[in-house]
Amino acid sequence: MTDTELKKKLLEIKNNDFHVPEESTDFEAAEYVMHAFHSTDSGLRDDLGYTILSKWLIEFKMLHGSELMTLLTQAASEKMLFYKVGEGLSDHVFLRSFSALLVALILYRDNQEHFIGKQDYMKLLDQLNHYCELENDYRSFVAGKGWAHAPAHISDALDECAQNRFVGESECLTIWESLLGMLRNASTVFDAEEDERMATAVVSMVTAKKITVSELLRWFCEVDLKEPNQLVHTLAFRKYLIQRVNTKHFMRCVYFRLKNAALLDQEADNALINVEHAFNPYF
C-alpha cells in the first residue's frame, strides 16, 4: 500500500474517535497501523501512526498480554528497531526510532499489568542496550520529514525499564551504560532536549528506589572522558568537546530533576555540584 492509501485509512480511524475498523480485529488493526513507522511523512508516522497506537494501547488498553508480547517481539526485531542500524544518516532511522516508542508503550503496559516474564525482560534489556551501542543517527528534527529523535525515543523505553519490577541495581547499571554510550557516540551536541529525556530514566531509578543517590554519585564520578593531548582544532579534540558538553548538560538535567523532587540532602547537593565542575572547565 502507498503512504497516501495508508494515511487515508488512518485518518478515518482518527476521525471516527479512534474506533477499530469493523473488518479488523484489534491485533490486526495494530499491526496495520505499525506500517506508518516506515514513512518519511511525519503526519502519517507521528500524528497518525504513533498517536493511534498510543491511544489504543495506553488509553483504551487494547490487546492482552500474549498479543502485546507479539508486538513487542516485532518492535524489537531486526525488521524494526535494528533495521539497518549503524548505516549512518538515512530515512531508516524513522522506523527504528518509532519502534523504540512502541517498545516504550508496551513496557508501560507491562509495568501496570505484568505480562512479560523475567527471562524475556532481561533479553529485551540486553537488546535495548545493544541498540544504543549501534545507533549512530542522532538527528533530532529533520526538515521535511519530522522528528527522528532516536536518543530521546529509546530513552523513553529505558525509563520504563528503570521502573520495572525485575530491575535492580545491576540492571540499572546496564541502563546507565546505555545512556553513557549515547553521550559518547553523539557526533554533535544535542539540540532538542535529548538530555532531558535521558535524565528521566536516571531519576526514575532513584524515585523507584532501584538505586540510591549515593550510588548515582559514584557512577557520575567514574565517568572518564579521556581528554586528548591534542590541539583544539583537531577532530579528536572536537569529539571530546562534544562528549564533555553533552555529559555536562545531562548531569545538570539529572541534578535539577533530583533537586526539584527534594531527593537531595545538602551533602549530595554539594557532591553533584562538584561533579558538574569536573565537566566544566570554567570552574
Protein backbone atom coordinates (compact mmCIF):
# COMPACT_ATOMS: atom_id res chain seq x y z
CA MET A 1 0.00 0.00 0.00
CA THR A 2 1.13 3.56 -0.62
CA ASP A 3 1.59 6.20 2.07
CA THR A 4 -1.39 8.03 0.62
CA GLU A 5 -3.62 4.98 0.97
CA LEU A 6 -2.41 4.28 4.50
CA LYS A 7 -2.84 7.89 5.53
CA LYS A 8 -6.42 7.90 4.29
CA LYS A 9 -7.22 4.78 6.34
CA LEU A 10 -5.59 6.14 9.49
CA LEU A 11 -7.36 9.47 9.13
CA GLU A 12 -10.64 7.56 9.02
CA ILE A 13 -9.70 5.84 12.29
CA LYS A 14 -8.76 9.13 13.94
CA ASN A 15 -11.88 10.89 12.73
CA ASN A 16 -14.03 8.01 13.98
CA ASP A 17 -12.96 8.57 17.60
CA PHE A 18 -10.14 6.04 17.16
CA HIS A 19 -12.52 3.11 16.82
CA VAL A 20 -11.05 -0.04 15.28
CA PRO A 21 -12.42 -0.70 11.78
CA GLU A 22 -15.19 -3.30 11.88
CA GLU A 23 -13.45 -5.58 9.38
CA SER A 24 -10.35 -5.95 11.62
CA THR A 25 -9.54 -7.50 14.96
CA ASP A 26 -7.76 -5.24 17.46
CA PHE A 27 -4.48 -7.04 16.84
CA GLU A 28 -4.78 -6.86 13.05
CA ALA A 29 -5.54 -3.15 13.29
CA ALA A 30 -2.48 -2.53 15.48
CA GLU A 31 -0.20 -4.35 13.05
CA TYR A 32 -1.71 -2.38 10.19
CA VAL A 33 -1.08 0.96 11.90
CA MET A 34 2.54 -0.02 12.58
CA HIS A 35 3.25 0.27 8.85
CA ALA A 36 3.17 4.04 9.32
CA PHE A 37 6.54 3.89 11.10
CA HIS A 38 8.26 3.20 7.77
CA SER A 39 7.14 6.54 6.36
CA THR A 40 9.06 9.79 5.99
CA ASP A 41 5.73 11.62 6.21
CA SER A 42 5.61 12.97 9.77
CA GLY A 43 1.87 13.44 9.55
CA LEU A 44 1.43 9.75 8.81
CA ARG A 45 4.16 8.39 11.07
CA ASP A 46 3.82 10.61 14.12
CA ASP A 47 0.48 12.44 14.09
CA LEU A 48 -1.44 9.35 12.96
CA GLY A 49 0.53 6.12 13.42
CA TYR A 50 2.07 6.75 16.82
CA THR A 51 -0.91 8.75 18.09
CA ILE A 52 -3.35 5.97 17.23
CA LEU A 53 -1.23 3.24 18.81
CA SER A 54 -0.70 5.34 21.92
CA LYS A 55 -4.43 5.93 22.19
CA TRP A 56 -5.25 2.25 21.70
CA LEU A 57 -2.57 0.76 23.96
CA ILE A 58 -2.48 3.30 26.79
CA GLU A 59 -5.90 4.93 26.96
CA PHE A 60 -8.12 2.17 25.56
CA LYS A 61 -5.84 -0.63 26.91
CA MET A 62 -6.41 -2.65 23.77
CA LEU A 63 -4.82 -6.10 23.36
CA HIS A 64 -3.94 -8.63 26.03
CA GLY A 65 -0.62 -9.98 27.24
CA SER A 66 0.23 -12.50 24.52
CA GLU A 67 -0.75 -10.07 21.77
CA LEU A 68 1.34 -7.33 23.33
CA MET A 69 4.25 -9.76 23.58
CA THR A 70 3.94 -10.48 19.86
CA LEU A 71 4.00 -6.77 19.07
CA LEU A 72 6.98 -6.30 21.40
CA THR A 73 8.90 -9.08 19.65
CA GLN A 74 8.21 -7.44 16.30
CA ALA A 75 9.13 -3.96 17.53
CA ALA A 76 12.49 -5.09 18.95
CA SER A 77 13.40 -7.19 15.89
CA GLU A 78 15.86 -6.82 13.02
CA LYS A 79 12.94 -5.67 10.87
CA MET A 80 12.10 -2.71 13.10
CA LEU A 81 14.33 -1.47 15.96
CA PHE A 82 17.50 -2.87 14.39
CA TYR A 83 16.63 -2.26 10.74
CA LYS A 84 19.86 -1.19 9.01
CA VAL A 85 21.14 0.23 12.30
CA GLY A 86 24.63 1.67 12.16
CA GLU A 87 24.48 2.57 8.47
CA GLY A 88 24.77 6.32 9.09
CA LEU A 89 22.26 9.02 8.23
CA SER A 90 19.27 7.63 6.33
CA ASP A 91 15.49 7.59 6.38
CA HIS A 92 15.56 4.18 8.07
CA VAL A 93 16.12 5.97 11.37
CA PHE A 94 12.42 6.85 11.49
CA LEU A 95 11.40 3.18 11.60
CA ARG A 96 13.97 2.39 14.28
CA SER A 97 13.15 5.43 16.40
CA PHE A 98 9.39 4.96 16.33
CA SER A 99 9.83 1.26 17.01
CA ALA A 100 11.56 2.36 20.22
CA LEU A 101 8.48 4.42 21.10
CA LEU A 102 6.28 1.36 20.53
CA VAL A 103 8.54 -0.63 22.86
CA ALA A 104 8.08 2.12 25.47
CA LEU A 105 4.28 1.93 25.15
CA ILE A 106 4.28 -1.83 25.66
CA LEU A 107 6.68 -1.62 28.59
CA TYR A 108 4.40 0.95 30.18
CA ARG A 109 1.54 -1.53 29.90
CA ASP A 110 3.69 -4.27 31.39
CA ASN A 111 4.54 -2.06 34.36
CA GLN A 112 0.81 -1.93 35.03
CA GLU A 113 -0.20 -5.49 34.13
CA HIS A 114 2.90 -7.73 34.44
CA PHE A 115 2.66 -9.90 31.34
CA ILE A 116 6.39 -10.09 30.46
CA GLY A 117 8.36 -12.86 32.16
CA LYS A 118 11.72 -12.18 33.77
CA GLN A 119 13.77 -14.05 31.18
CA ASP A 120 12.10 -12.19 28.31
CA TYR A 121 12.56 -8.90 30.14
CA MET A 122 16.29 -9.40 30.62
CA LYS A 123 16.66 -10.37 26.97
CA LEU A 124 14.85 -7.18 25.95
CA LEU A 125 17.03 -5.04 28.20
CA ASP A 126 20.11 -6.52 26.50
CA GLN A 127 18.57 -5.73 23.12
CA LEU A 128 17.92 -2.12 24.07
CA ASN A 129 21.46 -1.78 25.38
CA HIS A 130 22.82 -3.24 22.14
CA TYR A 131 20.70 -0.86 20.08
CA CYS A 132 22.16 2.11 21.99
CA GLU A 133 25.64 0.85 21.10
CA LEU A 134 24.82 0.55 17.40
CA GLU A 135 22.62 3.58 16.62
CA ASN A 136 24.59 6.42 15.08
CA ASP A 137 21.88 8.57 13.51
CA TYR A 138 21.27 11.14 16.23
CA ARG A 139 19.42 13.75 14.20
CA SER A 140 16.56 15.42 16.04
CA PHE A 141 14.17 17.26 13.69
CA VAL A 142 14.72 16.52 10.01
CA ALA A 143 13.44 19.21 7.64
CA GLY A 144 10.53 17.97 5.55
CA LYS A 145 10.36 14.64 7.39
CA GLY A 146 9.80 15.47 11.05
CA TRP A 147 11.25 14.02 14.22
CA ALA A 148 13.83 11.25 14.09
CA HIS A 149 15.00 11.79 17.70
CA ALA A 150 16.39 8.29 18.26
CA PRO A 151 18.21 9.04 21.56
CA ALA A 152 15.09 10.59 23.06
CA HIS A 153 12.79 7.80 21.94
CA ILE A 154 14.98 4.95 23.17
CA SER A 155 15.38 6.84 26.45
CA ASP A 156 11.60 6.65 26.89
CA ALA A 157 11.89 2.85 26.67
CA LEU A 158 14.81 2.82 29.11
CA ASP A 159 12.77 4.93 31.51
CA GLU A 160 10.06 2.27 31.55
CA CYS A 161 12.75 -0.36 32.14
CA ALA A 162 14.10 1.57 35.10
CA GLN A 163 10.72 1.29 36.82
CA ASN A 164 10.22 -2.42 36.19
CA ARG A 165 9.76 -4.99 38.94
CA PHE A 166 12.61 -7.17 37.61
CA VAL A 167 15.15 -4.36 37.51
CA GLY A 168 17.62 -3.93 40.34
CA GLU A 169 20.93 -2.17 40.77
CA SER A 170 22.82 -4.27 38.20
CA GLU A 171 20.13 -3.75 35.57
CA CYS A 172 20.11 -0.02 36.33
CA LEU A 173 23.85 -0.05 35.67
CA THR A 174 23.13 -1.57 32.24
CA ILE A 175 20.65 1.24 31.57
CA TRP A 176 23.22 3.78 32.76
CA GLU A 177 25.82 2.34 30.38
CA SER A 178 23.30 2.58 27.55
CA LEU A 179 22.82 6.28 28.28
CA LEU A 180 26.56 6.92 28.57
CA GLY A 181 27.06 5.12 25.27
CA MET A 182 24.77 7.59 23.55
CA LEU A 183 26.62 10.50 25.18
CA ARG A 184 29.92 9.08 23.91
CA ASN A 185 28.69 8.29 20.41
CA ALA A 186 26.89 11.55 19.58
CA SER A 187 28.59 13.38 16.72
CA THR A 188 27.02 16.74 17.66
CA VAL A 189 25.82 18.48 20.80
CA PHE A 190 22.19 17.51 21.50
CA ASP A 191 19.90 20.32 20.35
CA ALA A 192 16.37 19.11 21.12
CA GLU A 193 16.42 18.23 24.84
CA GLU A 194 17.53 14.66 24.32
CA ASP A 195 19.48 15.05 27.57
CA GLU A 196 16.22 15.74 29.42
CA ARG A 197 14.66 12.51 28.14
CA MET A 198 17.82 10.62 29.11
CA ALA A 199 17.78 12.17 32.58
CA THR A 200 14.22 10.95 33.12
CA ALA A 201 15.41 7.34 33.05
CA VAL A 202 18.09 8.09 35.66
CA VAL A 203 15.73 9.91 38.00
CA SER A 204 13.28 7.01 37.71
CA MET A 205 15.95 4.68 39.08
CA VAL A 206 16.12 6.83 42.20
CA THR A 207 12.40 7.51 42.63
CA ALA A 208 11.62 3.81 42.13
CA LYS A 209 14.24 3.07 44.82
CA LYS A 210 16.32 0.92 42.49
CA ILE A 211 19.49 2.84 43.36
CA THR A 212 20.41 5.46 45.94
CA VAL A 213 21.63 8.96 45.22
CA SER A 214 24.97 7.90 46.68
CA GLU A 215 25.24 5.11 44.12
CA LEU A 216 24.37 7.52 41.34
CA LEU A 217 27.06 9.90 42.57
CA ARG A 218 29.61 7.10 42.39
CA TRP A 219 28.62 6.37 38.81
CA PHE A 220 28.98 10.02 37.84
CA CYS A 221 32.40 10.19 39.47
CA GLU A 222 33.54 7.19 37.43
CA VAL A 223 32.75 8.85 34.09
CA ASP A 224 36.09 9.45 32.36
CA LEU A 225 36.01 11.32 29.07
CA LYS A 226 39.76 10.99 28.44
CA GLU A 227 40.71 14.42 27.18
CA PRO A 228 43.09 14.01 24.20
CA ASN A 229 46.52 15.59 24.35
CA GLN A 230 45.96 17.35 21.03
CA LEU A 231 45.33 20.83 19.72
CA VAL A 232 41.81 22.21 19.93
CA HIS A 233 41.36 22.27 16.15
CA THR A 234 41.83 18.51 15.75
CA LEU A 235 38.95 16.09 15.18
CA ALA A 236 39.86 14.17 18.34
CA PHE A 237 39.53 17.26 20.49
CA ARG A 238 36.28 18.21 18.76
CA LYS A 239 34.85 14.77 19.60
CA TYR A 240 35.98 15.14 23.21
CA LEU A 241 34.37 18.60 23.42
CA ILE A 242 31.04 17.26 22.16
CA GLN A 243 31.17 14.45 24.73
CA ARG A 244 32.01 16.86 27.53
CA VAL A 245 29.23 19.32 26.68
CA ASN A 246 26.61 16.59 26.32
CA THR A 247 27.70 14.96 29.56
CA LYS A 248 27.65 18.29 31.39
CA HIS A 249 24.16 19.09 30.16
CA PHE A 250 22.95 15.59 31.02
CA MET A 251 24.41 15.85 34.51
CA ARG A 252 22.74 19.22 35.05
CA CYS A 253 19.40 17.78 33.94
CA VAL A 254 19.72 14.98 36.49
CA TYR A 255 20.77 17.40 39.22
CA PHE A 256 17.83 19.77 38.79
CA ARG A 257 15.34 16.92 38.48
CA LEU A 258 16.56 15.41 41.76
CA LYS A 259 16.68 18.79 43.45
CA ASN A 260 13.16 19.74 42.36
CA ALA A 261 11.91 16.39 43.63
CA ALA A 262 13.53 17.09 47.04
CA LEU A 263 15.69 13.98 46.69
CA LEU A 264 18.99 15.68 47.59
CA ASP A 265 20.27 16.41 51.05
CA GLN A 266 22.88 19.14 51.38
CA GLU A 267 25.80 16.72 51.17
CA ALA A 268 24.51 15.12 47.95
CA ASP A 269 23.70 18.54 46.53
CA ASN A 270 27.25 19.72 47.09
CA ALA A 271 28.68 16.49 45.70
CA LEU A 272 26.71 16.77 42.47
CA ILE A 273 27.80 20.39 42.06
CA ASN A 274 31.40 19.20 42.37
CA VAL A 275 30.79 16.51 39.77
CA GLU A 276 29.44 19.16 37.40
CA HIS A 277 32.66 21.11 37.87
CA ALA A 278 34.61 18.12 36.56
CA PHE A 279 32.91 18.58 33.20
CA ASN A 280 33.04 22.36 33.30
CA PRO A 281 36.42 23.99 32.54
CA TYR A 282 35.22 27.36 33.80
CA PHE A 283 35.44 26.19 37.42
